[in-house]
N, C-alpha and C. Protein backbone atom coordinates (compact mmCIF):
# COMPACT_ATOMS: atom_id res chain seq x y z
N UNK A 1 3.72 -8.95 -11.92
CA UNK A 1 3.20 -8.65 -10.58
C UNK A 1 3.19 -9.94 -9.76
N UNK A 2 3.57 -9.80 -8.50
CA UNK A 2 3.58 -10.96 -7.62
C UNK A 2 2.15 -11.47 -7.44
N UNK A 3 2.03 -12.75 -7.08
CA UNK A 3 0.70 -13.34 -6.92
C UNK A 3 0.57 -14.03 -5.58
N UNK A 4 -0.66 -14.47 -5.30
CA UNK A 4 -0.95 -15.15 -4.05
C UNK A 4 -0.06 -16.39 -3.93
N UNK A 5 0.50 -16.59 -2.73
CA UNK A 5 1.39 -17.72 -2.49
C UNK A 5 2.86 -17.36 -2.63
N UNK A 6 3.17 -16.21 -3.28
CA UNK A 6 4.57 -15.78 -3.41
C UNK A 6 5.05 -15.22 -2.07
N UNK A 7 6.34 -15.36 -1.83
CA UNK A 7 6.95 -14.73 -0.66
C UNK A 7 7.06 -13.24 -0.97
N UNK A 8 6.62 -12.41 -0.05
CA UNK A 8 6.71 -10.96 -0.26
C UNK A 8 8.18 -10.55 -0.17
N UNK A 9 8.66 -9.75 -1.13
CA UNK A 9 10.06 -9.32 -1.09
C UNK A 9 10.31 -8.39 0.10
N UNK A 10 11.44 -8.58 0.74
CA UNK A 10 11.82 -7.70 1.85
C UNK A 10 12.13 -6.31 1.30
N UNK A 11 11.76 -5.28 2.04
CA UNK A 11 12.12 -3.91 1.68
C UNK A 11 12.38 -3.12 2.94
N UNK A 12 13.18 -2.09 2.82
CA UNK A 12 13.42 -1.13 3.89
C UNK A 12 13.37 0.24 3.25
N UNK A 13 12.37 1.03 3.65
CA UNK A 13 12.15 2.34 3.05
C UNK A 13 11.88 3.37 4.14
N UNK A 14 12.16 4.66 3.87
CA UNK A 14 11.89 5.69 4.87
C UNK A 14 10.42 6.11 4.90
N UNK A 15 9.95 6.39 6.13
CA UNK A 15 8.61 6.98 6.27
C UNK A 15 8.75 8.49 6.13
N UNK A 16 7.69 9.22 6.37
CA UNK A 16 7.72 10.67 6.16
C UNK A 16 8.71 11.39 7.08
N UNK A 17 9.05 10.75 8.23
CA UNK A 17 9.97 11.35 9.19
C UNK A 17 11.40 10.86 9.02
N UNK A 18 11.63 10.01 8.01
CA UNK A 18 12.97 9.50 7.79
C UNK A 18 13.29 8.23 8.56
N UNK A 19 12.32 7.71 9.32
CA UNK A 19 12.52 6.44 10.03
C UNK A 19 12.48 5.31 9.01
N UNK A 20 13.44 4.39 9.10
CA UNK A 20 13.47 3.27 8.17
C UNK A 20 12.50 2.19 8.64
N UNK A 21 11.66 1.75 7.73
CA UNK A 21 10.64 0.73 8.03
C UNK A 21 10.88 -0.45 7.09
N UNK A 22 10.96 -1.65 7.68
CA UNK A 22 11.16 -2.86 6.89
C UNK A 22 9.92 -3.73 6.97
N UNK A 23 9.68 -4.49 5.92
CA UNK A 23 8.57 -5.43 5.95
C UNK A 23 8.76 -6.42 7.10
N UNK A 24 10.02 -6.83 7.35
CA UNK A 24 10.29 -7.82 8.41
C UNK A 24 9.95 -7.29 9.81
N UNK A 25 9.79 -5.97 9.95
CA UNK A 25 9.38 -5.40 11.25
C UNK A 25 8.00 -5.92 11.66
N UNK A 26 7.23 -6.41 10.70
CA UNK A 26 5.84 -6.81 10.96
C UNK A 26 5.66 -8.32 10.98
N UNK A 27 6.77 -9.06 11.05
CA UNK A 27 6.67 -10.52 11.09
C UNK A 27 5.79 -10.92 12.26
N UNK A 28 4.89 -11.88 12.05
CA UNK A 28 3.99 -12.31 13.11
C UNK A 28 2.64 -11.60 13.08
N UNK A 29 2.47 -10.64 12.15
CA UNK A 29 1.16 -10.00 12.01
C UNK A 29 0.87 -9.77 10.54
N UNK A 30 -0.41 -9.67 10.24
CA UNK A 30 -0.82 -9.41 8.86
C UNK A 30 -0.55 -7.95 8.53
N UNK A 31 -0.18 -7.72 7.28
CA UNK A 31 0.10 -6.37 6.80
C UNK A 31 -0.59 -6.18 5.45
N UNK A 32 -1.22 -5.03 5.28
CA UNK A 32 -1.75 -4.63 3.99
C UNK A 32 -0.75 -3.63 3.42
N UNK A 33 -0.16 -3.97 2.28
CA UNK A 33 0.77 -3.06 1.60
C UNK A 33 0.09 -2.63 0.31
N UNK A 34 -0.15 -1.32 0.21
CA UNK A 34 -0.77 -0.85 -1.03
C UNK A 34 0.15 0.14 -1.73
N UNK A 35 0.22 -0.02 -3.04
CA UNK A 35 1.03 0.83 -3.89
C UNK A 35 0.09 1.77 -4.64
N UNK A 36 0.46 3.04 -4.68
CA UNK A 36 -0.40 4.02 -5.35
C UNK A 36 0.48 4.99 -6.15
N UNK A 37 -0.10 5.60 -7.19
CA UNK A 37 0.70 6.44 -8.09
C UNK A 37 1.25 7.73 -7.50
N UNK A 38 0.42 8.55 -6.81
CA UNK A 38 0.91 9.88 -6.43
C UNK A 38 0.10 10.52 -5.32
N UNK A 39 0.82 11.08 -4.35
CA UNK A 39 0.18 11.81 -3.24
C UNK A 39 -0.71 12.94 -3.78
N UNK A 40 -1.81 13.19 -3.07
CA UNK A 40 -2.68 14.35 -3.30
C UNK A 40 -3.36 14.40 -4.67
N UNK A 41 -3.40 13.28 -5.39
CA UNK A 41 -4.19 13.24 -6.62
C UNK A 41 -5.56 12.70 -6.22
N UNK A 42 -6.60 12.95 -7.02
CA UNK A 42 -7.96 12.59 -6.57
C UNK A 42 -8.15 11.13 -6.16
N UNK A 43 -7.74 10.18 -7.01
CA UNK A 43 -7.94 8.76 -6.69
C UNK A 43 -7.12 8.33 -5.48
N UNK A 44 -5.88 8.78 -5.44
CA UNK A 44 -4.99 8.39 -4.33
C UNK A 44 -5.47 8.99 -3.01
N UNK A 45 -6.01 10.19 -3.07
CA UNK A 45 -6.55 10.82 -1.86
C UNK A 45 -7.78 10.06 -1.37
N UNK A 46 -8.67 9.69 -2.29
CA UNK A 46 -9.87 8.93 -1.88
C UNK A 46 -9.48 7.60 -1.27
N UNK A 47 -8.49 6.93 -1.87
CA UNK A 47 -8.05 5.63 -1.36
C UNK A 47 -7.45 5.79 0.04
N UNK A 48 -6.57 6.78 0.21
CA UNK A 48 -5.93 7.00 1.51
C UNK A 48 -6.97 7.35 2.57
N UNK A 49 -7.93 8.18 2.23
CA UNK A 49 -8.97 8.57 3.19
C UNK A 49 -9.88 7.39 3.54
N UNK A 50 -10.09 6.48 2.59
CA UNK A 50 -10.87 5.27 2.88
C UNK A 50 -10.13 4.38 3.88
N UNK A 51 -8.81 4.24 3.70
CA UNK A 51 -8.02 3.47 4.68
C UNK A 51 -8.06 4.17 6.03
N UNK A 52 -7.92 5.51 6.02
CA UNK A 52 -7.96 6.27 7.27
C UNK A 52 -9.27 6.00 8.02
N UNK A 53 -10.38 6.04 7.29
CA UNK A 53 -11.69 5.83 7.91
C UNK A 53 -11.88 4.43 8.44
N UNK A 54 -11.18 3.47 7.86
CA UNK A 54 -11.33 2.06 8.27
C UNK A 54 -10.26 1.62 9.27
N UNK A 55 -9.34 2.52 9.63
CA UNK A 55 -8.20 2.13 10.47
C UNK A 55 -8.61 1.47 11.79
N UNK A 56 -9.67 1.94 12.41
CA UNK A 56 -10.12 1.35 13.67
C UNK A 56 -10.40 -0.14 13.51
N UNK A 57 -11.03 -0.50 12.41
CA UNK A 57 -11.35 -1.92 12.16
C UNK A 57 -10.09 -2.72 11.84
N UNK A 58 -9.17 -2.12 11.08
CA UNK A 58 -7.90 -2.81 10.79
C UNK A 58 -7.13 -3.05 12.10
N UNK A 59 -7.07 -2.01 12.93
CA UNK A 59 -6.34 -2.13 14.20
C UNK A 59 -6.99 -3.17 15.11
N UNK A 60 -8.32 -3.22 15.13
CA UNK A 60 -9.03 -4.20 15.96
C UNK A 60 -8.67 -5.63 15.55
N UNK A 61 -8.34 -5.82 14.26
CA UNK A 61 -7.95 -7.15 13.77
C UNK A 61 -6.44 -7.36 13.86
N UNK A 62 -5.71 -6.34 14.34
CA UNK A 62 -4.26 -6.46 14.46
C UNK A 62 -3.54 -6.38 13.12
N UNK A 63 -4.16 -5.70 12.14
CA UNK A 63 -3.59 -5.61 10.80
C UNK A 63 -3.01 -4.21 10.59
N UNK A 64 -1.77 -4.15 10.12
CA UNK A 64 -1.12 -2.87 9.82
C UNK A 64 -1.37 -2.52 8.35
N UNK A 65 -1.42 -1.23 8.07
CA UNK A 65 -1.59 -0.75 6.69
C UNK A 65 -0.39 0.14 6.34
N UNK A 66 0.21 -0.13 5.19
CA UNK A 66 1.35 0.65 4.71
C UNK A 66 1.06 1.06 3.26
N UNK A 67 1.18 2.34 2.98
CA UNK A 67 1.05 2.84 1.62
C UNK A 67 2.44 3.16 1.08
N UNK A 68 2.69 2.81 -0.18
CA UNK A 68 4.00 3.07 -0.79
C UNK A 68 3.80 3.75 -2.14
N UNK A 69 4.54 4.84 -2.35
CA UNK A 69 4.59 5.49 -3.66
C UNK A 69 6.02 5.98 -3.88
N UNK A 70 6.27 6.51 -5.08
CA UNK A 70 7.62 7.01 -5.34
C UNK A 70 7.77 8.47 -4.91
N UNK A 71 6.76 9.02 -4.24
CA UNK A 71 6.83 10.41 -3.77
C UNK A 71 7.90 10.56 -2.68
N UNK A 72 8.36 11.79 -2.50
CA UNK A 72 9.38 12.10 -1.50
C UNK A 72 8.79 12.07 -0.08
N UNK A 73 9.68 12.03 0.90
CA UNK A 73 9.25 12.09 2.30
C UNK A 73 8.48 13.38 2.55
N UNK A 74 8.95 14.49 1.99
CA UNK A 74 8.29 15.79 2.17
C UNK A 74 6.87 15.74 1.61
N UNK A 75 6.71 15.13 0.45
CA UNK A 75 5.38 14.99 -0.16
C UNK A 75 4.48 14.16 0.76
N UNK A 76 5.03 13.07 1.31
CA UNK A 76 4.25 12.23 2.24
C UNK A 76 3.86 13.00 3.50
N UNK A 77 4.77 13.84 4.00
CA UNK A 77 4.48 14.65 5.19
C UNK A 77 3.30 15.58 4.90
N UNK A 78 3.36 16.26 3.76
CA UNK A 78 2.28 17.18 3.39
C UNK A 78 0.95 16.44 3.21
N UNK A 79 0.99 15.29 2.53
CA UNK A 79 -0.20 14.48 2.27
C UNK A 79 -0.81 13.99 3.59
N UNK A 80 0.06 13.47 4.46
CA UNK A 80 -0.40 12.96 5.77
C UNK A 80 -1.02 14.08 6.60
N UNK A 81 -0.35 15.22 6.64
CA UNK A 81 -0.86 16.34 7.46
C UNK A 81 -2.16 16.90 6.90
N UNK A 82 -2.23 17.06 5.59
CA UNK A 82 -3.42 17.65 4.97
C UNK A 82 -4.67 16.80 5.21
N UNK A 83 -4.50 15.46 5.14
CA UNK A 83 -5.67 14.58 5.27
C UNK A 83 -5.70 13.82 6.60
N UNK A 84 -4.79 14.19 7.51
CA UNK A 84 -4.73 13.57 8.85
C UNK A 84 -4.70 12.04 8.75
N UNK A 85 -3.82 11.53 7.90
CA UNK A 85 -3.71 10.09 7.70
C UNK A 85 -3.13 9.43 8.94
N UNK A 86 -3.65 8.26 9.27
CA UNK A 86 -3.31 7.59 10.53
C UNK A 86 -2.63 6.23 10.30
N UNK A 87 -1.89 6.14 9.22
CA UNK A 87 -1.13 4.91 8.93
C UNK A 87 0.16 5.32 8.23
N UNK A 88 1.05 4.38 8.04
CA UNK A 88 2.39 4.64 7.52
C UNK A 88 2.43 4.77 6.00
N UNK A 89 3.09 5.82 5.53
CA UNK A 89 3.38 5.97 4.11
C UNK A 89 4.89 5.88 3.96
N UNK A 90 5.34 5.08 2.99
CA UNK A 90 6.77 4.93 2.75
C UNK A 90 7.13 5.51 1.38
N UNK A 91 8.31 6.09 1.33
CA UNK A 91 8.82 6.74 0.13
C UNK A 91 9.76 5.79 -0.61
N UNK A 92 9.48 5.56 -1.90
CA UNK A 92 10.27 4.62 -2.70
C UNK A 92 10.69 5.27 -4.03
N UNK A 93 11.48 6.37 -3.97
CA UNK A 93 11.86 7.06 -5.20
C UNK A 93 12.75 6.22 -6.13
N UNK A 94 13.45 5.25 -5.56
CA UNK A 94 14.33 4.38 -6.38
C UNK A 94 13.57 3.17 -6.93
N UNK A 95 12.27 3.09 -6.62
CA UNK A 95 11.40 2.01 -7.10
C UNK A 95 11.81 0.62 -6.60
N UNK A 96 12.48 0.57 -5.45
CA UNK A 96 12.98 -0.69 -4.88
C UNK A 96 11.83 -1.68 -4.65
N UNK A 97 10.88 -1.31 -3.80
CA UNK A 97 9.74 -2.19 -3.51
C UNK A 97 8.76 -2.21 -4.68
N UNK A 98 8.57 -1.06 -5.31
CA UNK A 98 7.63 -0.94 -6.42
C UNK A 98 7.97 -1.96 -7.52
N UNK A 99 9.26 -2.07 -7.86
CA UNK A 99 9.66 -3.03 -8.90
C UNK A 99 9.67 -4.46 -8.35
N UNK A 100 10.09 -4.64 -7.08
CA UNK A 100 10.14 -5.98 -6.51
C UNK A 100 8.75 -6.63 -6.48
N UNK A 101 7.70 -5.83 -6.24
CA UNK A 101 6.34 -6.35 -6.22
C UNK A 101 5.71 -6.40 -7.62
N UNK A 102 6.42 -5.83 -8.60
CA UNK A 102 5.95 -5.91 -9.98
C UNK A 102 4.83 -4.94 -10.33
N UNK A 103 4.75 -3.82 -9.61
CA UNK A 103 3.66 -2.87 -9.87
C UNK A 103 4.09 -1.68 -10.74
N UNK A 104 5.37 -1.67 -11.18
CA UNK A 104 5.85 -0.64 -12.11
C UNK A 104 5.61 -1.19 -13.51
N UNK A 105 4.60 -0.67 -14.17
CA UNK A 105 4.18 -1.25 -15.44
C UNK A 105 3.85 -0.16 -16.45
N UNK A 106 3.67 -0.61 -17.69
CA UNK A 106 3.27 0.30 -18.75
C UNK A 106 1.81 0.68 -18.52
N UNK A 107 1.54 1.97 -18.62
CA UNK A 107 0.17 2.46 -18.44
C UNK A 107 -0.21 3.29 -19.66
N UNK A 108 -1.48 3.23 -20.02
CA UNK A 108 -1.98 4.05 -21.14
C UNK A 108 -2.95 5.07 -20.56
N UNK A 109 -2.70 6.33 -20.89
CA UNK A 109 -3.61 7.36 -20.44
C UNK A 109 -3.74 8.39 -21.54
N UNK A 110 -4.95 8.67 -21.96
CA UNK A 110 -5.22 9.63 -23.03
C UNK A 110 -4.40 9.29 -24.28
N UNK A 111 -4.26 7.99 -24.58
CA UNK A 111 -3.55 7.56 -25.77
C UNK A 111 -2.04 7.54 -25.64
N UNK A 112 -1.52 8.05 -24.52
CA UNK A 112 -0.06 8.06 -24.33
C UNK A 112 0.33 6.87 -23.46
N UNK A 113 1.47 6.27 -23.79
CA UNK A 113 1.97 5.13 -23.03
C UNK A 113 3.15 5.60 -22.19
N UNK A 114 3.13 5.28 -20.91
CA UNK A 114 4.25 5.63 -20.04
C UNK A 114 4.37 4.57 -18.95
N UNK A 115 5.48 4.59 -18.25
CA UNK A 115 5.68 3.67 -17.13
C UNK A 115 5.18 4.35 -15.86
N UNK A 116 4.56 3.57 -14.99
CA UNK A 116 4.08 4.14 -13.73
C UNK A 116 3.63 3.05 -12.79
N UNK A 117 3.23 3.48 -11.60
CA UNK A 117 2.75 2.55 -10.58
C UNK A 117 1.30 2.19 -10.88
N UNK A 118 1.04 0.90 -10.97
CA UNK A 118 -0.33 0.41 -11.12
C UNK A 118 -0.88 0.24 -9.71
N UNK A 119 -1.97 0.92 -9.40
CA UNK A 119 -2.56 0.86 -8.05
C UNK A 119 -2.87 -0.60 -7.71
N UNK A 120 -2.16 -1.13 -6.73
CA UNK A 120 -2.29 -2.55 -6.38
C UNK A 120 -2.13 -2.71 -4.88
N UNK A 121 -2.83 -3.71 -4.33
CA UNK A 121 -2.78 -3.95 -2.89
C UNK A 121 -2.48 -5.42 -2.62
N UNK A 122 -1.65 -5.63 -1.62
CA UNK A 122 -1.24 -6.99 -1.23
C UNK A 122 -1.54 -7.20 0.24
N UNK A 123 -2.20 -8.32 0.57
CA UNK A 123 -2.37 -8.71 1.97
C UNK A 123 -1.28 -9.75 2.22
N UNK A 124 -0.41 -9.45 3.19
CA UNK A 124 0.73 -10.31 3.49
C UNK A 124 0.49 -10.96 4.85
N UNK A 125 0.64 -12.28 4.90
CA UNK A 125 0.34 -12.99 6.15
C UNK A 125 1.47 -12.87 7.18
N UNK A 126 1.26 -13.51 8.31
CA UNK A 126 2.18 -13.43 9.44
C UNK A 126 3.58 -13.96 9.13
N UNK A 127 3.69 -14.78 8.09
CA UNK A 127 4.98 -15.37 7.71
C UNK A 127 5.61 -14.71 6.49
N UNK A 128 5.04 -13.58 6.05
CA UNK A 128 5.62 -12.86 4.92
C UNK A 128 5.23 -13.40 3.56
N UNK A 129 4.14 -14.19 3.52
CA UNK A 129 3.67 -14.74 2.25
C UNK A 129 2.44 -13.94 1.80
N UNK A 130 2.38 -13.66 0.50
CA UNK A 130 1.24 -12.90 -0.04
C UNK A 130 0.02 -13.81 -0.04
N UNK A 131 -1.00 -13.39 0.69
CA UNK A 131 -2.19 -14.24 0.78
C UNK A 131 -3.31 -13.75 -0.13
N UNK A 132 -3.30 -12.46 -0.50
CA UNK A 132 -4.35 -11.93 -1.37
C UNK A 132 -3.77 -10.76 -2.15
N UNK A 133 -4.12 -10.69 -3.44
CA UNK A 133 -3.65 -9.59 -4.30
C UNK A 133 -4.86 -8.90 -4.92
N UNK A 134 -4.81 -7.58 -4.91
CA UNK A 134 -5.83 -6.76 -5.58
C UNK A 134 -5.11 -5.97 -6.66
N UNK A 135 -4.97 -6.58 -7.88
CA UNK A 135 -4.35 -5.82 -8.97
C UNK A 135 -5.35 -4.78 -9.46
N UNK A 136 -4.87 -3.66 -9.91
CA UNK A 136 -5.76 -2.58 -10.38
C UNK A 136 -6.85 -2.27 -9.34
N UNK A 137 -6.42 -2.08 -8.11
CA UNK A 137 -7.34 -1.78 -7.00
C UNK A 137 -8.12 -0.50 -7.29
N UNK A 138 -9.37 -0.49 -6.87
CA UNK A 138 -10.22 0.68 -7.07
C UNK A 138 -10.13 1.56 -5.81
N UNK A 139 -9.81 2.86 -5.99
CA UNK A 139 -9.58 3.73 -4.83
C UNK A 139 -10.77 3.81 -3.87
N UNK A 140 -11.98 3.76 -4.40
CA UNK A 140 -13.16 3.97 -3.55
C UNK A 140 -13.58 2.73 -2.78
N UNK A 141 -13.20 1.55 -3.24
CA UNK A 141 -13.71 0.33 -2.61
C UNK A 141 -12.62 -0.56 -2.02
N UNK A 142 -11.36 -0.26 -2.29
CA UNK A 142 -10.26 -1.14 -1.91
C UNK A 142 -10.19 -1.40 -0.40
N UNK A 143 -10.23 -0.36 0.42
CA UNK A 143 -10.10 -0.52 1.88
C UNK A 143 -11.22 -1.41 2.43
N UNK A 144 -12.44 -1.20 1.95
CA UNK A 144 -13.60 -1.96 2.41
C UNK A 144 -13.55 -3.40 1.92
N UNK A 145 -13.11 -3.58 0.68
CA UNK A 145 -12.97 -4.90 0.07
C UNK A 145 -12.01 -5.78 0.89
N UNK A 146 -10.90 -5.18 1.29
CA UNK A 146 -9.90 -5.91 2.08
C UNK A 146 -10.46 -6.26 3.45
N UNK A 147 -11.16 -5.33 4.07
CA UNK A 147 -11.77 -5.61 5.39
C UNK A 147 -12.72 -6.80 5.30
N UNK A 148 -13.54 -6.82 4.26
CA UNK A 148 -14.47 -7.93 4.06
C UNK A 148 -13.70 -9.23 3.93
N UNK A 149 -12.65 -9.22 3.12
CA UNK A 149 -11.81 -10.41 2.94
C UNK A 149 -11.21 -10.85 4.28
N UNK A 150 -10.65 -9.91 5.04
CA UNK A 150 -10.01 -10.24 6.31
C UNK A 150 -11.00 -10.84 7.30
N UNK A 151 -12.19 -10.23 7.38
CA UNK A 151 -13.22 -10.75 8.29
C UNK A 151 -13.58 -12.19 7.92
N UNK A 152 -13.79 -12.43 6.63
CA UNK A 152 -14.16 -13.78 6.17
C UNK A 152 -13.04 -14.78 6.42
N UNK A 153 -11.79 -14.37 6.23
CA UNK A 153 -10.66 -15.28 6.39
C UNK A 153 -10.38 -15.60 7.85
N UNK A 154 -10.87 -14.75 8.76
CA UNK A 154 -10.63 -14.97 10.19
C UNK A 154 -11.74 -15.77 10.86
N UNK A 155 -12.83 -15.98 10.12
CA UNK A 155 -13.98 -16.71 10.71
C UNK A 155 -13.70 -18.19 10.78
């Protein structure tokens, strides 16, 4: 997994409407990029709704939020519409960004080992450098934790 001080890898992925979004589109502003396992699952829904609820504060600080999973654009459309999400979700079925950021890892669940996305969040600075990493991010506290960090770092 990438760490603080690493250059964030460039990616270009489709949003739910098929528009291509690149990390470089956000040069000059801070971006929160969070990777999550699957649309409409309990933890991922709580995490997305927490970001949705905090969006006003993120926008006030000029910070963009992008969620990335390996789900399809159609899945993202359904997830966004069902929960009225107000930030960008990108589809990465080929694991391009997921592997570049190092969040595709071995996971153990109910004694079974499989590969999957480890819920992780990266705060990327105005120059494309990772300034903060939240490995194994907690769905219920991640959005608030990042806001606290951003407020403190801007003081």
